[in-house]
């Protein structure tokens, strides 16, 4: 499992265009919203958490259309399957690699975005915590959609369409948790619900994605 994860990380770092594109999109999205709001500091601060969360979700979803594509094109799936690795291990490795290469850069970029939108340190901390808590759900659904569309060319838009409905409760609980964070702290009810969503998403997506990959390999 560790060897598989290191392999996936090496592939992503050698071909960084997918996750770098996500960060670039994240920053461009925030810049365009700031321009649309005419630099109004009051609007930017009040809408900042929602805008940052939307930018983060769309930047992450951009990555999942191609998450299995390199392995499909290179025939690596067949080799991994013949080597005895389970599709569950492949899925878990992809989830971990996506977290490392996508979520960590976003966590670094969020304070920069927060300063631009004149957010307080507590608001920036709440946004980062909410992303950490909600990230397993976002990545799980994205990896599931990517697995279901493995082998399909130009699947990026379909992945976004498939996963967007599942993003709605994540965004709702994340934003309400951010609002409750200054008064109630980390384990407010909204963040607890978001944690539950992430655990449920992992429990559903891992076996479902593994089954989709098995069907593709067969």
Protein backbone atom coordinates (compact mmCIF):
# COMPACT_ATOMS: atom_id res chain seq x y z
CA UNK A 1 0.00 0.00 0.00
CA UNK A 2 2.80 2.42 0.92
CA UNK A 3 4.66 1.57 -2.28
CA UNK A 4 1.51 2.21 -4.30
CA UNK A 5 0.97 5.58 -2.61
CA UNK A 6 4.57 6.65 -3.26
CA UNK A 7 4.15 5.58 -6.87
CA UNK A 8 1.01 7.71 -7.27
CA UNK A 9 2.72 10.68 -5.63
CA UNK A 10 5.74 10.37 -7.92
CA UNK A 11 3.46 10.29 -10.96
CA UNK A 12 1.60 13.40 -9.76
CA UNK A 13 4.79 15.33 -9.00
CA UNK A 14 6.29 14.40 -12.36
CA UNK A 15 3.11 15.55 -14.11
CA UNK A 16 1.92 18.44 -11.92
CA UNK A 17 -0.33 20.10 -14.50
CA UNK A 18 -3.54 18.59 -13.04
CA UNK A 19 -3.17 19.77 -9.44
CA UNK A 20 -1.34 22.98 -10.41
CA UNK A 21 -4.26 23.81 -12.69
CA UNK A 22 -6.54 23.47 -9.67
CA UNK A 23 -4.53 26.00 -7.64
CA UNK A 24 -4.36 28.41 -10.58
CA UNK A 25 -8.13 28.09 -11.06
CA UNK A 26 -8.65 28.69 -7.33
CA UNK A 27 -6.70 31.95 -7.42
CA UNK A 28 -8.27 33.12 -10.70
CA UNK A 29 -11.77 32.35 -9.39
CA UNK A 30 -11.17 34.50 -6.30
CA UNK A 31 -9.61 37.29 -8.35
CA UNK A 32 -12.57 37.42 -10.74
CA UNK A 33 -15.03 37.56 -7.85
CA UNK A 34 -13.07 40.40 -6.27
CA UNK A 35 -13.23 42.29 -9.56
CA UNK A 36 -16.96 41.56 -9.91
CA UNK A 37 -17.53 42.98 -6.42
CA UNK A 38 -15.60 46.15 -7.40
CA UNK A 39 -13.22 45.60 -4.51
CA UNK A 40 -16.01 46.41 -2.02
CA UNK A 41 -14.38 45.39 1.27
CA UNK A 42 -17.71 44.87 3.08
CA UNK A 43 -19.11 42.54 0.40
CA UNK A 44 -15.79 40.73 0.01
CA UNK A 45 -15.55 40.06 3.73
CA UNK A 46 -19.17 38.94 4.12
CA UNK A 47 -19.08 36.70 1.05
CA UNK A 48 -15.45 35.60 1.46
CA UNK A 49 -15.97 32.19 3.12
CA UNK A 50 -18.61 31.15 0.57
CA UNK A 51 -16.53 32.32 -2.39
CA UNK A 52 -13.40 30.58 -1.09
CA UNK A 53 -15.32 27.34 -0.55
CA UNK A 54 -16.82 27.42 -4.04
CA UNK A 55 -13.39 28.11 -5.52
CA UNK A 56 -11.91 25.20 -3.56
CA UNK A 57 -14.61 22.76 -4.65
CA UNK A 58 -14.40 23.62 -8.34
CA UNK A 59 -10.60 23.56 -8.27
CA UNK A 60 -10.70 20.08 -6.72
CA UNK A 61 -13.32 18.75 -9.13
CA UNK A 62 -11.13 19.75 -12.07
CA UNK A 63 -8.61 17.10 -11.02
CA UNK A 64 -10.86 14.06 -10.86
CA UNK A 65 -11.65 13.67 -14.54
CA UNK A 66 -8.08 12.56 -15.20
CA UNK A 67 -7.30 10.85 -11.89
CA UNK A 68 -7.24 7.37 -13.45
CA UNK A 69 -6.52 8.44 -17.01
CA UNK A 70 -2.72 8.02 -16.98
CA UNK A 71 -2.98 4.51 -15.57
CA UNK A 72 -5.60 3.62 -18.17
CA UNK A 73 -3.57 5.01 -21.07
CA UNK A 74 -0.33 3.36 -19.94
CA UNK A 75 -1.88 -0.01 -19.14
CA UNK A 76 -0.82 0.29 -15.50
CA UNK A 77 -4.20 -0.87 -14.22
CA UNK A 78 -3.79 -4.26 -15.79
CA UNK A 79 -0.27 -4.56 -14.38
CA UNK A 80 -1.40 -3.58 -10.89
CA UNK A 81 -4.28 -6.05 -11.09
CA UNK A 82 -2.00 -8.88 -12.25
CA UNK A 83 0.47 -8.07 -9.47
CA UNK A 84 -2.21 -8.97 -6.93
CA UNK A 85 -3.11 -5.49 -5.71
CA UNK A 86 -6.78 -5.08 -4.91
CA UNK A 87 -8.82 -2.31 -6.48
CA UNK A 88 -9.64 -1.15 -2.94
CA UNK A 89 -5.93 -0.48 -2.38
CA UNK A 90 -5.76 1.43 -5.67
CA UNK A 91 -8.72 3.61 -4.66
CA UNK A 92 -7.38 4.33 -1.17
CA UNK A 93 -4.00 5.26 -2.67
CA UNK A 94 -5.66 7.69 -5.10
CA UNK A 95 -7.65 9.30 -2.28
CA UNK A 96 -4.51 9.78 -0.15
CA UNK A 97 -2.46 11.09 -3.06
CA UNK A 98 -5.23 13.53 -4.02
CA UNK A 99 -5.39 14.79 -0.44
CA UNK A 100 -1.65 15.42 -0.31
CA UNK A 101 -1.33 17.11 -3.71
CA UNK A 102 -4.63 19.03 -3.74
CA UNK A 103 -5.74 19.85 -0.20
CA UNK A 104 -2.36 20.84 1.24
CA UNK A 105 -1.70 23.46 -1.49
CA UNK A 106 -5.20 24.84 -0.93
CA UNK A 107 -4.55 25.11 2.81
CA UNK A 108 -1.45 27.13 1.99
CA UNK A 109 -3.37 29.36 -0.45
CA UNK A 110 -6.36 30.03 1.82
CA UNK A 111 -4.56 32.48 4.17
CA UNK A 112 -3.44 34.46 1.13
CA UNK A 113 -7.02 34.53 -0.12
CA UNK A 114 -8.26 35.42 3.36
CA UNK A 115 -5.95 38.43 3.58
CA UNK A 116 -7.12 39.58 0.13
CA UNK A 117 -10.74 39.31 1.28
CA UNK A 118 -9.92 41.00 4.62
CA UNK A 119 -11.02 38.01 6.71
CA UNK A 120 -10.07 37.68 10.35
CA UNK A 121 -7.62 35.04 11.53
CA UNK A 122 -10.51 33.16 13.17
CA UNK A 123 -12.44 33.09 9.89
CA UNK A 124 -9.39 31.84 7.99
CA UNK A 125 -8.80 29.15 10.62
CA UNK A 126 -12.45 28.10 10.39
CA UNK A 127 -12.29 27.87 6.60
CA UNK A 128 -9.13 25.74 6.74
CA UNK A 129 -10.61 23.45 9.40
CA UNK A 130 -13.85 23.06 7.47
CA UNK A 131 -11.90 22.15 4.34
CA UNK A 132 -9.87 19.57 6.26
CA UNK A 133 -13.03 18.03 7.68
CA UNK A 134 -14.95 18.10 4.40
CA UNK A 135 -12.05 17.11 2.13
CA UNK A 136 -12.51 13.32 2.55
CA UNK A 137 -16.09 13.62 1.27
CA UNK A 138 -15.15 15.83 -1.69
CA UNK A 139 -12.26 13.60 -2.71
CA UNK A 140 -14.22 10.37 -2.17
CA UNK A 141 -17.07 11.45 -4.42
CA UNK A 142 -14.62 12.77 -7.01
CA UNK A 143 -12.61 9.55 -7.04
CA UNK A 144 -15.83 7.53 -7.31
CA UNK A 145 -16.95 9.55 -10.33
CA UNK A 146 -13.48 9.23 -11.85
CA UNK A 147 -13.54 5.46 -11.36
CA UNK A 148 -17.00 5.17 -12.94
CA UNK A 149 -15.74 7.09 -15.97
CA UNK A 150 -12.32 5.40 -16.18
CA UNK A 151 -11.32 5.01 -19.79
CA UNK A 152 -13.69 7.71 -21.01
CA UNK A 153 -12.02 10.54 -22.87
CA UNK A 154 -12.79 14.13 -21.83
CA UNK A 155 -14.62 12.95 -18.72
CA UNK A 156 -13.87 16.10 -16.70
CA UNK A 157 -17.19 17.82 -17.31
CA UNK A 158 -19.15 14.63 -16.61
CA UNK A 159 -17.28 14.19 -13.33
CA UNK A 160 -18.29 17.70 -12.26
CA UNK A 161 -21.94 17.05 -13.20
CA UNK A 162 -21.98 13.76 -11.30
CA UNK A 163 -20.43 15.11 -8.14
CA UNK A 164 -22.00 18.58 -7.83
CA UNK A 165 -25.26 17.35 -6.21
CA UNK A 166 -23.20 15.67 -3.45
CA UNK A 167 -21.36 18.93 -2.80
CA UNK A 168 -24.50 20.79 -1.67
CA UNK A 169 -24.73 19.39 1.90
CA UNK A 170 -20.95 19.65 2.27
CA UNK A 171 -21.02 23.37 1.45
CA UNK A 172 -24.08 24.01 3.64
CA UNK A 173 -22.59 22.43 6.77
CA UNK A 174 -19.12 23.86 6.08
CA UNK A 175 -20.38 27.45 5.83
CA UNK A 176 -22.70 27.13 8.82
CA UNK A 177 -19.82 25.60 10.79
CA UNK A 178 -17.59 28.54 9.85
CA UNK A 179 -20.23 30.93 11.18
CA UNK A 180 -20.55 28.96 14.42
CA UNK A 181 -16.80 28.51 14.94
CA UNK A 182 -16.05 31.80 16.80
CA UNK A 183 -18.71 31.07 19.43
CA UNK A 184 -18.76 27.26 19.62
CA UNK A 185 -15.26 26.23 18.58
CA UNK A 186 -14.08 23.32 16.47
CA UNK A 187 -16.63 20.69 17.45
CA UNK A 188 -19.76 22.66 16.80
CA UNK A 189 -22.74 20.65 15.57
CA UNK A 190 -22.21 21.70 11.95
CA UNK A 191 -18.60 20.48 11.88
CA UNK A 192 -19.71 17.25 13.58
CA UNK A 193 -22.29 16.75 10.83
CA UNK A 194 -19.62 17.51 8.22
CA UNK A 195 -17.38 14.87 9.82
CA UNK A 196 -20.23 12.39 9.57
CA UNK A 197 -20.72 13.21 5.90
CA UNK A 198 -17.02 12.60 5.25
CA UNK A 199 -17.07 9.24 7.05
CA UNK A 200 -20.19 8.14 5.19
CA UNK A 201 -18.69 9.27 1.87
CA UNK A 202 -15.53 7.22 2.52
CA UNK A 203 -17.57 4.17 3.51
CA UNK A 204 -19.66 4.38 0.34
CA UNK A 205 -17.15 5.63 -2.21
CA UNK A 206 -14.22 3.29 -1.54
CA UNK A 207 -16.04 -0.01 -2.21
CA UNK A 208 -18.17 1.53 -4.98
CA UNK A 209 -15.10 2.95 -6.78
CA UNK A 210 -13.29 -0.37 -6.33
CA UNK A 211 -16.25 -2.19 -7.87
CA UNK A 212 -16.30 0.26 -10.79
CA UNK A 213 -12.59 -0.33 -11.43
CA UNK A 214 -13.08 -4.09 -11.21
CA UNK A 215 -15.85 -3.87 -13.78
CA UNK A 216 -13.58 -1.82 -16.05
CA UNK A 217 -10.73 -4.31 -15.72
CA UNK A 218 -13.07 -7.20 -16.50
